[in-house]
Structures are given as C-alpha cells and as structure tokens.
Amino acid sequence: QVQLVESGGGLVQPGGSLRLSCAASGRIFSPYVMSWYRQAPGKTRELVASATSWGTTNYADSVKGRFTVSRDSPKNTLFLQMNSLKPEDTAVYYCKFTPLGVSGVYWGQGTQVTVSS
C-alpha cells in the first residue's frame, strides 16, 4: 500500500504562482511513475505532468513552459511548481503513484487550486 498526501493548493490571482506537494509513504519501490492530474467541474480528469523514478518528465501541452514537476527522491515527495496561472487552471489537483511491474495504482485526496481575481 502507498499513501499520498497533497498540499499547497489555494486561491491565487491570474499570473500568480503556487507550489503543490505530494508526500508518498508506504511500500515505495522503483521503478515507478508519479503524476499530477487535475479535474475541473464538469470535465474529465486529465494528466498535467509526470515524473519517473529514473528521472524523466512529461507535461501536458497546456502547461508546458509554465509548470515544472520535480521529485525529492529521499523524501518520496513530488512537487508541481505552477507559474503564470490562468483561470482555466482552476481544478482539483490529484497526485497519482503508479508502481511498474506490480499491480496497483494509488491516488491522493486532491487539493483545490482556484485562479481568480
């Protein structure tokens, strides 16, 4: 089992920044992928960014150049630095842990990000 706890969401004005954190605990073994997803009201959940245990990253086109995903490996923590935020970034942001080669996918409880003036 893996437990994920997100933090760092909140209300920010357009153009502002936020940093999300996702602390993972439990049975964490490489290789794995940790990801940020988001879900806006009335929309399906979508991938925002991901980072692998071997060091690669991936971003949705809508956030490239504005968001940066990173990991603190010793602390099993995933971060999402969000800059130049737009109202359309408003959503609940979820952390996901996917171990490779074994069954199981784990989700955090989500953290609300609201971009509004």
Protein backbone atom coordinates (compact mmCIF):
# COMPACT_ATOMS: atom_id res chain seq x y z
CA GLN A 1 0.00 0.00 0.00
CA VAL A 2 1.05 3.56 -0.74
CA GLN A 3 -0.42 6.66 0.89
CA LEU A 4 -0.33 10.05 -0.82
CA VAL A 5 -0.97 13.40 0.83
CA GLU A 6 -1.20 16.54 -1.29
CA SER A 7 -0.82 20.09 -0.04
CA GLY A 8 -0.22 23.59 -1.32
CA GLY A 9 -3.47 24.42 -3.08
CA GLY A 10 -5.33 27.66 -2.62
CA LEU A 11 -6.69 30.81 -4.20
CA VAL A 12 -4.37 32.85 -6.42
CA GLN A 13 -4.82 35.70 -8.87
CA PRO A 14 -4.21 35.23 -12.59
CA GLY A 15 -0.49 35.40 -13.30
CA GLY A 16 0.37 34.19 -9.83
CA SER A 17 2.18 31.08 -8.65
CA LEU A 18 1.56 28.10 -6.41
CA ARG A 19 3.63 25.09 -5.43
CA LEU A 20 1.91 21.76 -4.81
CA SER A 21 3.47 18.93 -2.83
CA CYS A 22 2.65 15.24 -2.72
CA ALA A 23 4.20 13.21 0.06
CA ALA A 24 4.26 9.46 -0.55
CA SER A 25 4.67 6.84 2.15
CA GLY A 26 4.38 3.08 2.43
CA ARG A 27 5.69 0.43 0.04
CA ILE A 28 7.61 2.54 -2.47
CA PHE A 29 9.95 0.67 -4.79
CA SER A 30 11.47 1.68 -8.08
CA PRO A 31 10.60 1.78 -10.87
CA TYR A 32 7.54 3.96 -10.61
CA VAL A 33 5.82 7.00 -12.07
CA MET A 34 4.38 9.84 -10.01
CA SER A 35 1.95 12.16 -11.71
CA TRP A 36 -0.23 15.21 -11.23
CA TYR A 37 -3.74 15.12 -12.65
CA ARG A 38 -6.47 17.73 -12.43
CA GLN A 39 -10.22 17.74 -12.73
CA ALA A 40 -12.27 20.85 -13.31
CA PRO A 41 -16.04 20.90 -12.64
CA GLY A 42 -17.91 19.08 -15.37
CA LYS A 43 -14.73 17.85 -17.05
CA THR A 44 -12.83 14.60 -17.09
CA ARG A 45 -9.64 14.17 -15.10
CA GLU A 46 -6.58 14.99 -17.18
CA LEU A 47 -2.86 14.44 -16.89
CA VAL A 48 -0.90 17.59 -16.06
CA ALA A 49 2.66 16.33 -15.57
CA SER A 50 4.56 13.22 -14.55
CA ALA A 51 7.98 12.25 -13.29
CA THR A 52 9.56 8.83 -13.33
CA SER A 53 11.87 7.25 -10.78
CA TRP A 54 14.58 7.13 -13.46
CA GLY A 55 14.43 10.88 -13.99
CA THR A 56 12.24 11.67 -16.98
CA THR A 57 9.37 14.16 -17.00
CA ASN A 58 6.35 14.76 -19.20
CA TYR A 59 3.89 17.66 -19.48
CA ALA A 60 0.51 18.36 -20.98
CA ASP A 61 0.75 20.90 -23.81
CA SER A 62 -1.48 23.30 -21.89
CA VAL A 63 1.07 23.70 -19.07
CA LYS A 64 4.40 23.45 -20.89
CA GLY A 65 6.61 26.41 -20.09
CA ARG A 66 4.51 27.37 -17.05
CA PHE A 67 4.56 24.30 -14.78
CA THR A 68 7.56 22.34 -13.54
CA VAL A 69 7.38 18.89 -11.95
CA SER A 70 10.16 17.67 -9.71
CA ARG A 71 10.91 14.97 -7.13
CA ASP A 72 12.73 14.83 -3.83
CA SER A 73 13.67 11.17 -4.04
CA PRO A 74 14.93 10.61 -0.47
CA LYS A 75 11.72 12.12 0.90
CA ASN A 76 9.46 10.45 -1.70
CA THR A 77 7.86 13.79 -2.44
CA LEU A 78 6.59 15.11 -5.76
CA PHE A 79 6.27 18.82 -6.43
CA LEU A 80 4.45 20.89 -9.02
CA GLN A 81 5.61 24.48 -9.39
CA MET A 82 2.87 26.38 -11.17
CA ASN A 83 3.67 29.80 -12.60
CA SER A 84 1.71 32.22 -14.79
CA LEU A 85 -1.53 30.66 -13.59
CA LYS A 86 -4.66 31.15 -15.64
CA PRO A 87 -8.35 30.87 -14.67
CA GLU A 88 -8.54 27.73 -16.79
CA ASP A 89 -6.03 26.09 -14.44
CA THR A 90 -8.73 26.07 -11.75
CA ALA A 91 -9.35 22.47 -10.73
CA VAL A 92 -8.82 19.88 -8.04
CA TYR A 93 -5.28 18.60 -8.44
CA TYR A 94 -4.58 14.95 -7.65
CA CYS A 95 -1.34 13.08 -7.12
CA LYS A 96 -1.05 9.58 -8.55
CA PHE A 97 1.51 6.87 -7.83
CA THR A 98 1.94 4.05 -10.35
CA PRO A 99 4.39 1.27 -9.50
CA LEU A 100 5.73 -0.50 -12.58
CA GLY A 101 5.79 -4.27 -12.81
CA VAL A 102 3.31 -4.78 -9.98
CA SER A 103 -0.40 -4.21 -9.66
CA GLY A 104 -1.96 -1.20 -8.02
CA VAL A 105 -2.48 2.50 -8.66
CA TYR A 106 -2.75 4.99 -5.83
CA TRP A 107 -4.39 8.41 -5.67
CA GLY A 108 -4.21 11.23 -3.19
CA GLN A 109 -7.26 13.02 -1.85
CA GLY A 110 -6.78 16.09 -4.05
CA THR A 111 -6.11 19.75 -3.39
CA GLN A 112 -8.15 22.65 -4.76
CA VAL A 113 -6.49 25.27 -6.92
CA THR A 114 -8.56 28.33 -7.78
CA VAL A 115 -7.26 31.04 -10.10
CA SER A 116 -9.46 34.10 -9.92
CA SER A 117 -9.27 37.84 -9.50
